[in-house]
N, C-alpha and C. Protein backbone atom coordinates (compact mmCIF):
# COMPACT_ATOMS: atom_id res chain seq x y z
N MET A 1 0.97 -1.05 -0.17
CA MET A 1 -0.45 0.19 -0.13
C MET A 1 0.62 0.98 -0.27
N SER A 2 0.05 2.35 -0.50
CA SER A 2 1.56 3.33 -1.18
C SER A 2 1.20 4.65 0.08
N GLY A 3 0.18 4.31 0.55
CA GLY A 3 -0.27 5.26 1.78
C GLY A 3 -0.72 7.03 1.36
N ILE A 4 -1.44 6.93 -0.33
CA ILE A 4 -1.49 8.08 -0.68
C ILE A 4 -3.04 7.53 -0.99
N PRO A 5 -3.89 9.23 -0.52
CA PRO A 5 -5.28 8.92 -0.48
C PRO A 5 -5.77 8.15 -1.76
N PRO A 6 -6.56 7.14 -2.09
CA PRO A 6 -7.18 7.03 -3.15
C PRO A 6 -7.38 8.51 -4.26
N ASP A 7 -8.04 8.94 -3.63
CA ASP A 7 -8.42 10.14 -4.54
C ASP A 7 -7.63 10.72 -5.51
N ALA A 8 -5.82 11.11 -4.47
CA ALA A 8 -4.88 11.55 -4.96
C ALA A 8 -3.84 10.92 -5.87
N GLU A 9 -4.51 9.22 -5.83
CA GLU A 9 -3.83 8.74 -6.91
C GLU A 9 -5.08 8.33 -8.14
N ALA A 10 -6.33 8.29 -8.01
CA ALA A 10 -6.96 8.29 -9.48
C ALA A 10 -6.60 9.77 -9.66
N ILE A 11 -6.62 10.79 -9.13
CA ILE A 11 -6.44 11.94 -9.93
C ILE A 11 -5.06 12.01 -10.97
N LEU A 12 -3.90 11.37 -10.69
CA LEU A 12 -2.37 11.46 -10.91
C LEU A 12 -2.74 10.72 -12.18
N ARG A 13 -3.46 9.48 -11.66
CA ARG A 13 -3.15 8.07 -12.90
C ARG A 13 -4.16 8.10 -14.09
N ARG A 14 -5.41 9.30 -14.16
CA ARG A 14 -6.71 9.28 -14.53
C ARG A 14 -6.62 10.56 -15.38
N PHE A 15 -6.06 11.88 -14.87
CA PHE A 15 -6.12 12.94 -16.05
C PHE A 15 -5.12 13.64 -16.77
N ARG A 16 -5.23 14.67 -17.42
CA ARG A 16 -3.59 15.12 -17.78
C ARG A 16 -3.52 16.43 -17.92
N ARG A 17 -5.06 16.92 -17.77
CA ARG A 17 -4.93 18.34 -18.41
C ARG A 17 -4.98 19.50 -16.51
N ILE A 18 -3.91 19.99 -16.00
CA ILE A 18 -4.11 20.70 -15.06
C ILE A 18 -3.87 22.28 -14.77
N ALA A 19 -5.00 22.90 -14.48
CA ALA A 19 -4.93 24.03 -14.18
C ALA A 19 -3.62 24.66 -13.02
N VAL A 20 -3.06 25.78 -12.72
CA VAL A 20 -2.53 25.69 -11.54
C VAL A 20 -3.26 27.18 -11.29
N VAL A 21 -3.62 27.37 -10.29
CA VAL A 21 -4.06 28.65 -10.03
C VAL A 21 -2.49 29.26 -8.88
N GLY A 22 -3.02 30.23 -9.21
CA GLY A 22 -1.36 30.73 -8.20
C GLY A 22 -0.46 30.74 -8.27
N ILE A 23 -0.19 30.17 -9.82
CA ILE A 23 1.80 29.83 -10.29
C ILE A 23 2.38 30.61 -9.79
N SER A 24 3.36 30.32 -10.01
CA SER A 24 4.51 32.04 -9.52
C SER A 24 5.39 31.91 -10.65
N ASP A 25 6.31 33.17 -11.06
CA ASP A 25 7.17 33.11 -12.13
C ASP A 25 8.64 32.88 -10.93
N ARG A 26 8.54 32.81 -9.78
CA ARG A 26 9.32 32.56 -9.36
C ARG A 26 10.28 31.02 -8.79
N PRO A 27 11.63 30.35 -9.55
CA PRO A 27 11.63 29.79 -9.45
C PRO A 27 11.84 28.27 -8.36
N GLU A 28 11.60 29.52 -6.82
CA GLU A 28 12.26 28.88 -5.67
C GLU A 28 10.36 28.63 -4.92
N ARG A 29 9.81 29.04 -5.58
CA ARG A 29 8.34 28.60 -5.42
C ARG A 29 7.73 27.11 -5.18
N PRO A 30 6.83 26.96 -4.51
CA PRO A 30 6.68 25.64 -4.90
C PRO A 30 5.55 25.52 -6.00
N SER A 31 4.69 26.73 -6.22
CA SER A 31 4.13 26.88 -7.64
C SER A 31 4.58 26.53 -8.71
N HIS A 32 5.86 27.42 -8.90
CA HIS A 32 6.76 27.08 -10.20
C HIS A 32 7.27 26.25 -10.54
N TYR A 33 7.95 25.03 -9.07
CA TYR A 33 8.67 23.74 -8.93
C TYR A 33 7.62 22.37 -9.17
N VAL A 34 7.02 22.77 -8.75
CA VAL A 34 5.81 21.72 -8.83
C VAL A 34 5.40 21.55 -10.52
N SER A 35 4.98 22.88 -10.98
CA SER A 35 4.38 23.14 -12.40
C SER A 35 5.23 22.48 -13.28
N ARG A 36 6.41 23.06 -13.30
CA ARG A 36 7.32 22.49 -14.40
C ARG A 36 7.96 20.90 -14.51
N TYR A 37 7.47 20.66 -12.71
CA TYR A 37 7.54 19.36 -12.00
C TYR A 37 6.81 18.32 -13.25
N LEU A 38 5.58 18.98 -13.11
CA LEU A 38 4.53 18.12 -13.76
C LEU A 38 4.49 18.40 -15.00
N LEU A 39 5.16 19.58 -15.85
CA LEU A 39 5.30 19.52 -17.15
C LEU A 39 6.40 18.71 -17.86
N ASP A 40 7.12 18.33 -16.97
CA ASP A 40 7.88 17.27 -17.03
C ASP A 40 7.87 16.04 -17.31
N ALA A 41 6.73 15.29 -16.22
CA ALA A 41 6.39 14.61 -16.38
C ALA A 41 5.35 14.20 -17.28
N GLY A 42 4.61 14.67 -18.28
CA GLY A 42 4.11 14.63 -19.17
C GLY A 42 2.81 15.38 -19.33
N TYR A 43 2.31 15.87 -18.51
CA TYR A 43 0.80 16.22 -18.32
C TYR A 43 1.11 17.81 -19.00
N ASP A 44 -0.08 18.38 -18.73
CA ASP A 44 -0.63 19.74 -19.73
C ASP A 44 -1.27 20.50 -19.12
N VAL A 45 -0.47 21.38 -18.58
CA VAL A 45 -0.18 22.61 -17.54
C VAL A 45 -1.03 23.50 -18.05
N ALA A 46 -1.75 24.33 -17.64
CA ALA A 46 -2.24 25.56 -17.64
C ALA A 46 -2.15 26.83 -16.70
N ALA A 47 -1.59 27.90 -16.99
CA ALA A 47 -1.13 28.48 -15.49
C ALA A 47 -2.07 29.64 -15.51
N VAL A 48 -2.43 29.63 -14.34
CA VAL A 48 -3.75 31.02 -13.99
C VAL A 48 -2.94 31.90 -12.94
N ASN A 49 -2.37 32.84 -13.29
CA ASN A 49 -2.40 33.95 -12.80
C ASN A 49 -2.16 35.45 -13.21
N PRO A 50 -3.61 36.04 -12.77
CA PRO A 50 -3.93 37.62 -13.12
C PRO A 50 -2.98 38.71 -13.34
N LEU A 51 -1.84 38.14 -12.27
CA LEU A 51 -0.39 38.90 -11.96
C LEU A 51 0.91 38.80 -13.39
N LEU A 52 0.26 37.66 -13.84
CA LEU A 52 1.54 37.46 -14.69
C LEU A 52 0.66 37.38 -15.89
N ARG A 53 2.00 37.55 -17.52
CA ARG A 53 1.46 37.41 -18.65
C ARG A 53 1.74 35.79 -19.17
N SER A 54 2.92 35.20 -18.67
CA SER A 54 3.16 33.99 -19.12
C SER A 54 4.29 33.19 -18.49
N VAL A 55 4.25 32.33 -17.98
CA VAL A 55 5.38 31.51 -16.92
C VAL A 55 5.80 30.31 -17.65
N LEU A 56 6.84 29.84 -17.96
CA LEU A 56 7.54 28.32 -18.11
C LEU A 56 7.11 28.35 -19.35
N GLY A 57 6.81 29.27 -20.53
CA GLY A 57 6.73 29.39 -22.16
C GLY A 57 5.10 28.98 -21.74
N LEU A 58 3.78 29.09 -20.86
CA LEU A 58 3.10 29.18 -20.80
C LEU A 58 1.94 30.89 -20.70
N PRO A 59 1.48 30.75 -21.84
CA PRO A 59 0.50 32.31 -21.18
C PRO A 59 -0.55 32.12 -20.06
N CYS A 60 -0.66 33.06 -19.34
CA CYS A 60 -0.78 32.87 -17.85
C CYS A 60 -2.90 33.74 -18.40
N HIS A 61 -3.86 32.76 -17.51
CA HIS A 61 -4.58 33.18 -17.48
C HIS A 61 -5.06 34.08 -16.29
N PRO A 62 -6.36 34.72 -16.43
CA PRO A 62 -6.45 35.79 -15.15
C PRO A 62 -7.55 34.41 -14.20
N ASP A 63 -8.12 33.51 -14.64
CA ASP A 63 -9.18 32.90 -14.34
C ASP A 63 -9.44 31.52 -14.99
N LEU A 64 -10.32 30.99 -13.94
CA LEU A 64 -10.60 29.28 -14.82
C LEU A 64 -11.04 29.80 -15.69
N ARG A 65 -12.41 30.39 -15.94
CA ARG A 65 -13.28 30.64 -16.74
C ARG A 65 -12.07 31.03 -18.39
N ALA A 66 -10.65 31.73 -18.27
CA ALA A 66 -10.30 32.11 -19.72
C ALA A 66 -9.38 31.37 -19.72
N VAL A 67 -9.16 29.78 -19.06
CA VAL A 67 -8.55 28.83 -19.58
C VAL A 67 -9.35 27.85 -20.83
N PRO A 68 -8.27 27.47 -21.98
CA PRO A 68 -9.52 27.12 -22.94
C PRO A 68 -9.76 25.00 -22.43
N PRO A 69 -11.06 24.83 -22.58
CA PRO A 69 -11.46 24.11 -22.14
C PRO A 69 -10.75 22.88 -22.85
N PRO A 70 -10.56 21.70 -21.93
CA PRO A 70 -11.39 21.09 -20.89
C PRO A 70 -9.75 21.66 -19.58
N ILE A 71 -10.68 21.78 -18.69
CA ILE A 71 -9.78 21.52 -17.39
C ILE A 71 -10.32 20.21 -16.45
N GLU A 72 -9.25 19.44 -16.10
CA GLU A 72 -9.18 17.97 -15.53
C GLU A 72 -9.43 18.55 -13.68
N VAL A 73 -7.98 18.98 -13.66
CA VAL A 73 -7.84 19.48 -12.28
C VAL A 73 -7.39 20.72 -12.24
N VAL A 74 -7.61 21.10 -11.05
CA VAL A 74 -7.18 22.10 -10.57
C VAL A 74 -6.75 22.22 -9.01
N ASP A 75 -5.25 22.47 -9.48
CA ASP A 75 -4.41 22.65 -8.59
C ASP A 75 -4.36 23.85 -8.15
N VAL A 76 -4.37 24.26 -6.64
CA VAL A 76 -4.39 25.70 -5.76
C VAL A 76 -3.30 25.47 -4.99
N PHE A 77 -2.69 26.55 -5.46
CA PHE A 77 -1.93 27.45 -4.40
C PHE A 77 -2.27 28.68 -4.22
N ARG A 78 -3.39 28.80 -3.62
CA ARG A 78 -3.34 30.09 -2.42
C ARG A 78 -3.75 29.47 -1.50
N ARG A 79 -3.65 30.97 -0.58
CA ARG A 79 -3.76 31.05 0.79
C ARG A 79 -5.22 30.10 1.10
N SER A 80 -5.49 29.36 2.30
CA SER A 80 -7.10 28.73 2.62
C SER A 80 -7.89 29.00 2.41
N GLU A 81 -8.11 30.40 2.93
CA GLU A 81 -9.47 31.21 3.01
C GLU A 81 -9.48 31.98 1.56
N LEU A 82 -8.70 32.00 1.01
CA LEU A 82 -8.76 32.48 -0.65
C LEU A 82 -8.99 30.96 -1.32
N VAL A 83 -9.65 29.69 -1.06
CA VAL A 83 -9.54 28.65 -1.82
C VAL A 83 -11.34 28.53 -2.45
N GLY A 84 -12.28 29.53 -1.21
CA GLY A 84 -13.54 28.78 -1.42
C GLY A 84 -13.70 29.63 -2.48
N PRO A 85 -14.01 30.66 -3.46
CA PRO A 85 -13.88 31.05 -4.84
C PRO A 85 -13.60 30.09 -6.05
N VAL A 86 -12.12 30.23 -5.70
CA VAL A 86 -11.55 29.19 -6.56
C VAL A 86 -12.38 27.64 -6.80
N VAL A 87 -12.80 26.85 -5.40
CA VAL A 87 -13.39 26.21 -5.63
C VAL A 87 -14.72 26.37 -6.75
N ASP A 88 -15.79 26.95 -6.40
CA ASP A 88 -16.57 27.18 -7.25
C ASP A 88 -16.64 27.20 -8.30
N GLU A 89 -15.75 28.10 -8.45
CA GLU A 89 -14.79 28.38 -10.24
C GLU A 89 -14.86 27.14 -10.75
N ALA A 90 -13.96 26.34 -10.17
CA ALA A 90 -13.25 24.76 -10.66
C ALA A 90 -15.00 24.06 -10.93
N ILE A 91 -15.52 24.15 -9.89
CA ILE A 91 -17.55 23.42 -10.73
C ILE A 91 -17.63 24.58 -11.90
N ALA A 92 -18.04 25.21 -11.82
CA ALA A 92 -18.67 26.19 -12.88
C ALA A 92 -17.69 26.04 -14.23
N VAL A 93 -16.26 25.14 -14.23
CA VAL A 93 -15.89 25.56 -15.38
C VAL A 93 -15.93 24.11 -15.84
N GLY A 94 -16.53 22.95 -15.02
CA GLY A 94 -16.41 21.27 -15.24
C GLY A 94 -15.49 20.72 -15.02
N ALA A 95 -14.56 21.02 -14.20
CA ALA A 95 -13.27 20.36 -13.70
C ALA A 95 -14.13 19.39 -13.13
N ARG A 96 -12.99 17.97 -13.27
CA ARG A 96 -13.43 16.96 -12.21
C ARG A 96 -12.76 16.86 -11.03
N ALA A 97 -11.58 17.58 -10.97
CA ALA A 97 -11.29 17.48 -8.99
C ALA A 97 -11.01 18.35 -8.88
N VAL A 98 -10.53 18.90 -7.66
CA VAL A 98 -9.87 19.88 -6.65
C VAL A 98 -8.73 19.58 -6.34
N TRP A 99 -6.63 19.65 -6.71
CA TRP A 99 -5.68 19.69 -5.80
C TRP A 99 -5.97 20.52 -4.61
N MET A 100 -5.66 20.78 -3.45
CA MET A 100 -5.18 22.29 -2.26
C MET A 100 -4.05 21.07 -1.96
N GLN A 101 -3.05 22.42 -2.28
CA GLN A 101 -1.50 22.06 -2.07
C GLN A 101 -1.12 21.64 -0.28
N ASP A 102 0.30 21.65 0.07
CA ASP A 102 0.60 21.58 1.14
C ASP A 102 -0.11 22.68 1.97
N GLY A 103 -0.49 22.67 3.62
CA GLY A 103 -1.17 23.65 4.09
C GLY A 103 -2.21 23.95 3.21
N VAL A 104 -2.46 23.59 2.56
CA VAL A 104 -4.67 24.06 2.00
C VAL A 104 -5.81 23.30 2.40
N VAL A 105 -6.66 24.06 3.29
CA VAL A 105 -7.57 23.05 3.71
C VAL A 105 -8.53 24.15 3.66
N ASP A 106 -10.05 24.02 2.85
CA ASP A 106 -11.12 24.18 3.41
C ASP A 106 -12.16 23.26 3.19
N GLU A 107 -12.94 22.66 4.48
CA GLU A 107 -13.23 21.73 4.05
C GLU A 107 -14.85 21.86 3.72
N ARG A 108 -15.45 23.05 3.89
CA ARG A 108 -16.28 23.85 3.47
C ARG A 108 -16.60 23.87 1.89
N ALA A 109 -15.51 24.55 1.00
CA ALA A 109 -14.82 24.66 0.02
C ALA A 109 -15.20 22.64 -0.54
N ALA A 110 -14.09 21.46 -0.05
CA ALA A 110 -14.21 20.60 -0.33
C ALA A 110 -15.48 20.03 -0.29
N ALA A 111 -16.21 20.28 0.80
CA ALA A 111 -17.56 19.74 0.43
C ALA A 111 -18.44 20.34 -0.80
N ARG A 112 -18.55 21.45 -1.11
CA ARG A 112 -19.11 21.90 -2.53
C ARG A 112 -18.73 20.92 -3.21
N ALA A 113 -17.01 20.81 -3.57
CA ALA A 113 -17.06 20.34 -4.41
C ALA A 113 -17.28 18.58 -4.77
N ARG A 114 -17.26 18.34 -3.06
CA ARG A 114 -17.60 17.18 -3.36
C ARG A 114 -18.91 16.66 -3.83
N ALA A 115 -19.63 17.44 -3.01
CA ALA A 115 -21.22 17.17 -3.83
C ALA A 115 -21.23 17.68 -5.57
N ALA A 116 -20.59 18.40 -6.21
CA ALA A 116 -20.65 18.11 -7.23
C ALA A 116 -19.74 17.08 -8.11
N GLY A 117 -19.29 16.38 -7.39
CA GLY A 117 -19.10 15.11 -7.97
C GLY A 117 -17.77 15.44 -8.69
N LEU A 118 -16.75 16.33 -8.01
CA LEU A 118 -15.26 16.27 -8.30
C LEU A 118 -14.94 15.95 -7.07
N LEU A 119 -13.26 15.03 -7.36
CA LEU A 119 -12.54 14.45 -6.51
C LEU A 119 -11.32 15.20 -5.53
N VAL A 120 -11.42 15.02 -5.08
CA VAL A 120 -10.52 16.30 -3.95
C VAL A 120 -9.52 15.52 -2.77
N VAL A 121 -8.76 16.93 -3.19
CA VAL A 121 -7.29 16.38 -2.14
C VAL A 121 -6.80 17.88 -1.64
N MET A 122 -6.92 17.73 -0.63
CA MET A 122 -6.22 18.51 0.47
C MET A 122 -4.86 18.36 1.49
N ASP A 123 -4.35 19.30 1.50
CA ASP A 123 -3.09 19.87 2.19
C ASP A 123 -1.78 18.61 1.79
N ARG A 124 -1.95 18.01 0.42
CA ARG A 124 -0.87 17.32 -0.05
C ARG A 124 -0.08 17.86 -0.84
N CYS A 125 1.07 17.28 -1.48
CA CYS A 125 1.40 17.70 -2.91
C CYS A 125 1.60 16.57 -3.53
N MET A 126 1.47 17.69 -5.21
CA MET A 126 1.20 17.28 -6.00
C MET A 126 2.31 15.53 -6.81
N LEU A 127 3.23 16.63 -6.40
CA LEU A 127 4.77 16.25 -7.01
C LEU A 127 5.44 15.31 -6.01
N ARG A 128 4.97 15.80 -5.00
CA ARG A 128 5.56 14.38 -3.99
C ARG A 128 4.94 13.04 -4.16
N ASP A 129 3.58 13.09 -4.02
CA ASP A 129 2.55 11.89 -4.54
C ASP A 129 2.61 11.91 -5.72
N HIS A 130 2.95 12.04 -6.67
CA HIS A 130 3.51 11.79 -7.76
C HIS A 130 4.43 10.81 -7.70
N GLN A 131 5.68 11.47 -7.57
CA GLN A 131 7.16 10.52 -7.15
C GLN A 131 6.85 8.85 -6.58
N ALA A 132 5.75 9.46 -5.36
CA ALA A 132 6.04 8.22 -4.29
C ALA A 132 5.31 7.13 -5.58
N LEU A 133 4.38 7.37 -6.04
CA LEU A 133 3.67 6.22 -6.72
C LEU A 133 4.49 6.06 -7.84
N GLY A 134 5.62 6.26 -8.54
CA GLY A 134 6.65 5.68 -8.99
C GLY A 134 6.15 5.83 -10.78
N LEU A 135 5.58 7.17 -10.39
CA LEU A 135 4.71 7.50 -12.32
C LEU A 135 5.84 7.90 -13.62
N GLY A 136 6.64 8.88 -12.56
CA GLY A 136 7.60 8.85 -13.63
C GLY A 136 7.10 9.35 -14.50
N ASP A 137 8.02 10.12 -15.96
CA ASP A 137 7.08 10.39 -17.53
C ASP A 137 6.19 9.72 -17.85
N GLN A 138 4.97 10.24 -18.29
CA GLN A 138 3.73 9.68 -18.52
C GLN A 138 3.11 10.15 -19.80
N ARG A 139 4.14 10.96 -20.68
CA ARG A 139 4.41 11.21 -22.19
C ARG A 139 3.52 9.89 -22.78
N SER A 140 2.60 10.27 -23.59
CA SER A 140 2.02 9.07 -25.04
C SER A 140 2.98 9.29 -25.72
């Protein structure tokens, strides 16, 4: 048994298109190096940050509604108190999952997402779980 929650494993194995909300252009920030890792692992990453024009060679979108569909996973790098509207937007755009990174927890938003049929992961690192599962590069 890997110790990875079933929803986390399902997200990492089943979905390929990830919108990273709160991506940074600063290489030392987790949102930056996790996004780089996901790109290198073969995921299709959409950058979401209204303050940036581009990062990691990707155009930045001001919000999830501006990201060309489909969005399968919304990976949230925002403070816990700012997660609610991101989750509501994820539901509105038809995302299939919401992943809240290390330290990010919003039980009410998670309950709304689950009620809408989304898989939810909170307070976990997508990069670390991907490595723990030994998925490596999954490009087709």
